[in-house]
Amino acid sequence: MMDSTSQIVWGVIFGSIGFGFFLYGRKQRAVVPLLVGLALMVIPYFIPNIVVLVLVGSGLVALPYFLKI
C-alpha cells in the first residue's frame, strides 16, 4: 500500500503520464506507447521505494522515444 505523500504524488504523476501514453498508443495503434502507458499506470502499486519508483518511471517515460516499433 502507499504509505507516504510523496509516493502518492509520484504515483499520480506517473499514472497520468501513463494514461496519456495509453490513449495515444490506442489511437495511433502503436504498441510501445500502449504497453508503456499500461506499465506506468500499474507500477506505482508494486514499487514501495520512492527512489526506485522515480527511476523506473523515468526510464519507462523515455522508452518510447528510444524504441520505435
Protein backbone atom coordinates (compact mmCIF):
# COMPACT_ATOMS: atom_id res chain seq x y z
CA MET A 1 0.00 0.00 0.00
CA MET A 2 1.06 3.60 -0.43
CA ASP A 3 2.46 4.98 2.80
CA SER A 4 3.80 8.44 2.19
CA THR A 5 2.52 11.55 0.49
CA SER A 6 5.45 11.69 -1.92
CA GLN A 7 4.75 8.14 -3.07
CA ILE A 8 1.12 9.07 -3.76
CA VAL A 9 2.16 12.20 -5.68
CA TRP A 10 4.69 10.30 -7.81
CA GLY A 11 2.09 7.60 -8.42
CA VAL A 12 -0.41 10.18 -9.64
CA ILE A 13 2.21 11.83 -11.87
CA PHE A 14 3.31 8.57 -13.48
CA GLY A 15 -0.28 7.33 -13.70
CA SER A 16 -1.33 10.49 -15.54
CA ILE A 17 1.58 10.26 -17.96
CA GLY A 18 0.79 6.57 -18.43
CA PHE A 19 -2.84 7.33 -19.19
CA GLY A 20 -1.72 9.80 -21.86
CA PHE A 21 0.63 7.22 -23.38
CA PHE A 22 -2.13 4.62 -23.27
CA LEU A 23 -4.61 6.87 -25.08
CA TYR A 24 -2.00 7.88 -27.66
CA GLY A 25 -0.96 4.26 -28.27
CA ARG A 26 -4.56 3.11 -28.63
CA LYS A 27 -5.47 5.91 -31.04
CA GLN A 28 -2.33 5.55 -33.18
CA ARG A 29 -2.29 1.73 -32.90
CA ALA A 30 1.28 1.90 -31.58
CA VAL A 31 2.29 -1.00 -29.36
CA VAL A 32 5.17 0.59 -27.41
CA PRO A 33 3.28 3.64 -26.06
CA LEU A 34 0.27 1.45 -25.27
CA LEU A 35 2.31 -1.01 -23.19
CA VAL A 36 4.38 1.73 -21.55
CA GLY A 37 1.17 3.50 -20.61
CA LEU A 38 -0.22 0.36 -19.00
CA ALA A 39 3.04 -0.20 -17.15
CA LEU A 40 3.16 3.39 -15.88
CA MET A 41 -0.38 3.12 -14.55
CA VAL A 42 0.37 -0.14 -12.71
CA ILE A 43 3.93 0.16 -11.33
CA PRO A 44 3.19 2.66 -8.53
CA TYR A 45 1.16 -0.05 -6.80
CA PHE A 46 4.02 -2.55 -6.78
CA ILE A 47 7.13 -0.45 -6.08
CA PRO A 48 7.25 0.74 -2.46
CA ASN A 49 10.60 2.56 -2.66
CA ILE A 50 10.25 6.14 -3.94
CA VAL A 51 13.74 6.33 -5.49
CA VAL A 52 13.20 3.10 -7.42
CA LEU A 53 9.74 4.28 -8.46
CA VAL A 54 11.14 7.52 -9.90
CA LEU A 55 13.99 5.72 -11.70
CA VAL A 56 11.75 3.03 -13.21
CA GLY A 57 9.05 5.55 -14.09
CA SER A 58 11.53 7.91 -15.74
CA GLY A 59 13.01 5.02 -17.71
CA LEU A 60 9.57 3.96 -18.91
CA VAL A 61 8.68 7.53 -19.90
CA ALA A 62 11.85 7.72 -22.03
CA LEU A 63 11.40 4.26 -23.57
CA PRO A 64 9.03 5.22 -26.44
CA TYR A 65 11.48 7.90 -27.56
CA PHE A 66 14.30 5.38 -27.98
CA LEU A 67 12.29 2.31 -29.02
CA LYS A 68 10.22 2.95 -32.12
CA ILE A 69 8.41 -0.14 -33.37
